[in-house]
Amino acid sequence: MAAPERDHLLRVAEAFDLPAPVARVEPLGQGNVNVTYRVFLEGDSASYVLQCLNTEVFPQPRLVMANITADRKSTTSELQSPC
């Protein structure tokens, strides 16, 4: 799987609702399946993870994202429920 170009990675990272503008995107680790990047924001010490899914392994990336979103909503709901 070829790595995307720097400008493309910046555009993808900027498409997310992050709390500050993207300063840079750097490779993160040596994954066996996906290509992973660390996203740094301007003036923010936090960083975020951006992954390029390998479409040979995950041929329907939209379904992967739908599963992640559904799981996040379910987990958030459970954490907000009283014991």
Protein backbone atom coordinates (compact mmCIF):
# COMPACT_ATOMS: atom_id res chain seq x y z
CA MET A 1 0.00 0.00 0.00
CA ALA A 2 1.58 3.27 -1.13
CA ALA A 3 1.76 6.15 1.33
CA PRO A 4 -0.33 9.22 0.42
CA GLU A 5 1.37 12.50 -0.39
CA ARG A 6 1.90 15.09 2.36
CA ASP A 7 -0.60 17.63 0.96
CA HIS A 8 -3.29 14.95 0.70
CA LEU A 9 -2.71 13.91 4.33
CA LEU A 10 -3.03 17.52 5.48
CA ARG A 11 -6.34 17.92 3.60
CA VAL A 12 -7.70 14.69 5.08
CA ALA A 13 -6.68 15.66 8.64
CA GLU A 14 -8.19 19.14 8.19
CA ALA A 15 -11.53 17.56 7.20
CA PHE A 16 -12.05 16.40 10.80
CA ASP A 17 -13.57 18.65 13.45
CA LEU A 18 -10.35 19.25 15.38
CA PRO A 19 -10.00 21.98 18.03
CA ALA A 20 -7.21 23.82 16.16
CA PRO A 21 -5.66 24.01 12.69
CA VAL A 22 -3.41 21.11 11.64
CA ALA A 23 0.29 21.96 11.95
CA ARG A 24 1.78 18.76 10.52
CA VAL A 25 1.23 15.06 9.90
CA GLU A 26 4.00 12.51 10.53
CA PRO A 27 4.25 8.73 10.09
CA LEU A 28 3.51 6.78 13.28
CA GLY A 29 4.96 3.29 13.61
CA GLN A 30 5.27 0.46 11.11
CA GLY A 31 1.84 -1.14 10.84
CA ASN A 32 1.31 -4.49 9.15
CA VAL A 33 -2.13 -3.69 7.73
CA ASN A 34 -2.86 0.05 7.74
CA VAL A 35 -0.68 3.13 7.33
CA THR A 36 -0.84 5.26 10.49
CA TYR A 37 0.00 8.93 11.04
CA ARG A 38 0.20 11.27 14.01
CA VAL A 39 -1.54 14.62 13.52
CA PHE A 40 -0.18 17.64 15.39
CA LEU A 41 -2.22 20.81 15.83
CA GLU A 42 -1.05 24.41 16.02
CA GLY A 43 -0.53 25.54 19.62
CA ASP A 44 -1.87 22.28 21.05
CA SER A 45 0.16 19.70 22.95
CA ALA A 46 -2.34 16.94 22.13
CA SER A 47 -1.96 14.84 19.01
CA TYR A 48 -4.37 12.64 17.08
CA VAL A 49 -4.10 9.41 15.11
CA LEU A 50 -5.03 9.22 11.44
CA GLN A 51 -5.14 5.84 9.70
CA CYS A 52 -5.32 4.98 6.03
CA LEU A 53 -7.23 1.73 5.87
CA ASN A 54 -5.80 -0.93 3.62
CA THR A 55 -8.67 -1.50 1.18
CA GLU A 56 -7.32 -4.94 0.26
CA VAL A 57 -8.00 -5.99 3.86
CA PHE A 58 -11.00 -3.69 4.47
CA PRO A 59 -12.68 -3.36 1.05
CA GLN A 60 -15.56 -1.27 2.46
CA PRO A 61 -13.99 1.48 4.61
CA ARG A 62 -17.34 3.24 5.08
CA LEU A 63 -18.63 0.17 6.94
CA VAL A 64 -15.55 0.21 9.17
CA MET A 65 -16.21 3.87 10.02
CA ALA A 66 -19.91 3.14 10.64
CA ASN A 67 -18.94 0.40 13.11
CA ILE A 68 -16.52 2.72 14.91
CA THR A 69 -19.16 5.46 15.13
CA ALA A 70 -21.84 3.06 16.40
CA ASP A 71 -19.47 1.61 19.01
CA ARG A 72 -18.43 5.10 20.19
CA LYS A 73 -22.06 6.19 20.56
CA SER A 74 -22.93 3.01 22.46
CA THR A 75 -19.94 3.38 24.80
CA THR A 76 -20.68 7.07 25.43
CA SER A 77 -24.30 6.27 26.22
CA GLU A 78 -23.29 3.52 28.66
CA LEU A 79 -20.79 5.79 30.42
CA GLN A 80 -23.43 8.52 30.86
CA SER A 81 -26.03 6.13 32.35
CA PRO A 82 -26.35 6.08 36.12
CA CYS A 83 -25.18 2.90 37.83
